[in-house]
Amino acid sequence: MRHRPFVLGLGLVVFVAAACWPAIAPAQTDPLEGIRAYHKVSDRLATSGQITNEQIPQLEAAGFDVVVNLAIADQERNGQEGFLVVEQGMTYVHIPVSWQEPSQEHLRQFFEVMAANEGRKVFVHCFANMRASAFTYLYRTLRAGEADDVARPDLMAIWDPFTDERSPQWGAFIDAARAQPPH
């Protein structure tokens, strides 16, 4: 019986502390972070690796208007993607870029797609976000007028195509595009 006042007093202290302590809101997480190699570039632009069919409605819910796929066509990985994106009411553009031989023609097509969709929320992807991040970096620096030191960190957050020994073609591709941007 003698311990009761202490227990009540401790309970009162806990209750008062809980009532007076400012509420800590849970951290807001981006619902798209579950997408492979997802990277938010800005409020209107994001890149990633391959999206699943189940993630396509998440893109629409996040307000994306356009999905650009730079991966090669692969029935297992992205065979239904175009249909499902359009079914969600978004625009779908597929520019199949070879990993081994990225071309300036594909980059020119990408620039045209991005220019045609200026002001819209665009989601660019490929299989691992390497093609997507490289093309997006080039668009931002060569066409959108962003400074290299602003755009490069987004590229480097995914990979460094200039030092990746497994794929020297990508550093060379970027250097060629910067030396002579596609028209």
Protein backbone atom coordinates (compact mmCIF):
# COMPACT_ATOMS: atom_id res chain seq x y z
CA MET A 1 0.00 0.00 0.00
CA ARG A 2 2.83 2.36 0.71
CA HIS A 3 4.04 2.18 -2.91
CA ARG A 4 0.78 3.34 -4.38
CA PRO A 5 1.44 7.12 -4.18
CA PHE A 6 4.74 6.68 -6.01
CA VAL A 7 3.12 4.65 -8.79
CA LEU A 8 0.31 7.18 -9.15
CA GLY A 9 2.81 10.03 -9.10
CA LEU A 10 4.97 8.39 -11.75
CA GLY A 11 1.89 7.74 -13.88
CA LEU A 12 0.86 11.37 -13.55
CA VAL A 13 4.33 12.54 -14.64
CA VAL A 14 4.25 10.26 -17.69
CA PHE A 15 0.74 11.45 -18.59
CA VAL A 16 1.65 15.14 -18.26
CA ALA A 17 4.90 14.68 -20.23
CA ALA A 18 3.06 12.87 -23.01
CA ALA A 19 0.37 15.55 -23.16
CA CYS A 20 2.88 18.41 -23.24
CA TRP A 21 5.50 16.82 -25.53
CA PRO A 22 5.13 18.11 -29.09
CA ALA A 23 3.72 15.54 -31.43
CA ILE A 24 6.37 14.13 -33.69
CA ALA A 25 4.93 13.49 -37.11
CA PRO A 26 6.23 10.41 -38.87
CA ALA A 27 8.69 11.21 -41.63
CA GLN A 28 6.97 11.54 -44.98
CA THR A 29 8.39 9.01 -47.38
CA ASP A 30 8.05 9.10 -51.12
CA PRO A 31 5.73 6.23 -52.13
CA LEU A 32 7.90 5.66 -55.21
CA GLU A 33 11.02 4.81 -53.22
CA GLY A 34 10.17 1.12 -53.61
CA ILE A 35 10.88 1.37 -57.34
CA ARG A 36 14.28 -0.01 -58.34
CA ALA A 37 16.99 2.71 -58.32
CA TYR A 38 14.36 5.45 -58.01
CA HIS A 39 15.74 9.00 -58.00
CA LYS A 40 13.68 12.16 -57.72
CA VAL A 41 15.39 14.88 -59.75
CA SER A 42 12.76 17.59 -59.20
CA ASP A 43 9.03 17.96 -58.61
CA ARG A 44 8.52 17.37 -62.35
CA LEU A 45 11.19 14.80 -63.16
CA ALA A 46 12.28 11.43 -61.78
CA THR A 47 14.32 8.49 -63.04
CA SER A 48 14.51 4.84 -62.10
CA GLY A 49 15.30 1.32 -63.07
CA GLN A 50 12.63 -1.05 -64.36
CA ILE A 51 9.15 -0.47 -63.00
CA THR A 52 6.83 -3.37 -62.31
CA ASN A 53 3.29 -3.56 -63.63
CA GLU A 54 2.05 -3.12 -60.05
CA GLN A 55 4.01 0.15 -59.67
CA ILE A 56 2.44 1.83 -62.70
CA PRO A 57 -0.68 3.03 -60.78
CA GLN A 58 1.71 4.56 -58.21
CA LEU A 59 3.20 6.73 -60.96
CA GLU A 60 -0.24 7.98 -61.92
CA ALA A 61 -1.13 8.58 -58.26
CA ALA A 62 2.11 10.58 -57.87
CA GLY A 63 0.95 12.86 -60.70
CA PHE A 64 3.19 11.73 -63.53
CA ASP A 65 1.86 12.54 -66.98
CA VAL A 66 4.51 10.83 -69.11
CA VAL A 67 6.53 7.62 -68.79
CA VAL A 68 9.61 7.32 -71.00
CA ASN A 69 11.16 3.86 -71.25
CA LEU A 70 14.76 3.77 -72.52
CA ALA A 71 15.27 0.03 -72.01
CA ILE A 72 15.17 -2.41 -74.87
CA ALA A 73 11.90 -4.27 -75.36
CA ASP A 74 11.77 -7.36 -73.19
CA GLN A 75 8.55 -9.38 -72.93
CA GLU A 76 9.24 -10.51 -69.36
CA ARG A 77 10.39 -7.15 -67.98
CA ASN A 78 8.30 -4.58 -69.84
CA GLY A 79 6.04 -6.43 -72.26
CA GLN A 80 2.77 -4.99 -70.93
CA GLU A 81 4.16 -1.69 -69.70
CA GLY A 82 2.98 0.55 -72.55
CA PHE A 83 -0.57 -0.76 -72.38
CA LEU A 84 -0.74 -0.42 -68.60
CA VAL A 85 0.70 3.11 -68.60
CA VAL A 86 -1.80 4.28 -71.22
CA GLU A 87 -4.60 2.49 -69.37
CA GLN A 88 -3.76 4.68 -66.35
CA GLY A 89 -4.21 7.78 -68.51
CA MET A 90 -0.53 8.65 -68.93
CA THR A 91 1.48 9.10 -72.12
CA TYR A 92 3.96 6.32 -72.90
CA VAL A 93 7.07 6.71 -75.03
CA HIS A 94 9.50 3.87 -75.70
CA ILE A 95 12.95 4.63 -77.10
CA PRO A 96 14.84 1.31 -76.99
CA VAL A 97 18.47 2.27 -76.34
CA SER A 98 21.13 -0.40 -76.76
CA TRP A 99 23.29 -0.73 -73.64
CA GLN A 100 26.35 -1.60 -75.71
CA GLU A 101 25.82 1.03 -78.42
CA PRO A 102 23.91 4.09 -77.22
CA SER A 103 23.32 6.36 -80.19
CA GLN A 104 23.13 10.09 -80.70
CA GLU A 105 19.95 9.45 -82.71
CA HIS A 106 18.28 7.97 -79.64
CA LEU A 107 19.45 10.96 -77.62
CA ARG A 108 18.00 13.31 -80.24
CA GLN A 109 14.65 11.47 -80.00
CA PHE A 110 14.78 11.74 -76.21
CA PHE A 111 15.44 15.49 -76.44
CA GLU A 112 12.41 15.86 -78.72
CA VAL A 113 10.19 13.90 -76.33
CA MET A 114 11.34 15.98 -73.37
CA ALA A 115 10.82 19.25 -75.27
CA ALA A 116 7.36 18.15 -76.41
CA ASN A 117 6.42 17.41 -72.80
CA GLU A 118 7.88 20.51 -71.19
CA GLY A 119 5.72 21.53 -68.26
CA ARG A 120 4.46 17.99 -67.72
CA LYS A 121 5.62 15.62 -65.00
CA VAL A 122 7.95 13.06 -66.63
CA PHE A 123 9.20 9.71 -65.34
CA VAL A 124 12.20 8.29 -67.24
CA HIS A 125 13.36 4.72 -66.72
CA CYS A 126 15.39 1.84 -68.10
CA PHE A 127 16.44 -1.44 -66.48
CA ALA A 128 18.88 -0.08 -63.85
CA ASN A 129 18.56 3.75 -64.15
CA MET A 130 21.87 4.02 -65.94
CA ARG A 131 20.58 4.89 -69.43
CA ALA A 132 17.82 7.00 -67.87
CA SER A 133 20.15 8.98 -65.61
CA ALA A 134 22.67 9.56 -68.44
CA PHE A 135 20.04 10.72 -70.96
CA THR A 136 18.36 12.90 -68.33
CA TYR A 137 21.69 14.44 -67.35
CA LEU A 138 22.43 15.27 -70.99
CA TYR A 139 18.99 16.75 -71.53
CA ARG A 140 19.29 18.93 -68.45
CA THR A 141 22.76 20.23 -69.34
CA LEU A 142 22.54 20.44 -73.15
CA ARG A 143 18.91 21.46 -73.68
CA ALA A 144 17.36 22.69 -70.43
CA GLY A 145 20.30 24.98 -69.68
CA GLU A 146 21.16 23.63 -66.25
CA ALA A 147 24.73 24.00 -65.05
CA ASP A 148 26.80 20.83 -64.97
CA ASP A 149 27.43 21.21 -61.24
CA VAL A 150 23.65 21.22 -60.67
CA ALA A 151 22.82 18.21 -62.88
CA ARG A 152 25.88 16.02 -62.34
CA PRO A 153 25.11 15.06 -58.69
CA ASP A 154 21.87 13.42 -59.84
CA LEU A 155 23.80 11.36 -62.39
CA MET A 156 26.46 10.44 -59.82
CA ALA A 157 23.80 9.44 -57.30
CA ILE A 158 23.09 6.51 -59.63
CA TRP A 159 26.48 5.75 -61.17
CA ASP A 160 29.64 7.27 -62.63
CA PRO A 161 29.71 6.47 -66.36
CA PHE A 162 33.14 8.07 -66.69
CA THR A 163 34.89 5.60 -64.38
CA ASP A 164 32.74 2.47 -64.78
CA GLU A 165 35.23 0.04 -66.35
CA ARG A 166 32.45 -2.38 -67.31
CA SER A 167 30.85 0.14 -69.64
CA PRO A 168 33.33 2.63 -71.13
CA GLN A 169 30.93 3.23 -74.02
CA TRP A 170 28.78 5.42 -71.77
CA GLY A 171 31.48 7.91 -70.80
CA ALA A 172 32.44 8.13 -74.47
CA PHE A 173 28.77 8.56 -75.45
CA ILE A 174 28.31 11.44 -72.99
CA ASP A 175 31.56 13.11 -74.08
CA ALA A 176 30.53 12.83 -77.76
CA ALA A 177 27.11 14.36 -77.01
CA ARG A 178 28.68 17.23 -75.11
CA ALA A 179 31.21 17.84 -77.91
CA GLN A 180 28.53 17.87 -80.60
CA PRO A 181 24.98 17.95 -79.19
CA PRO A 182 22.37 16.28 -81.38
CA HIS A 183 20.07 18.65 -83.23
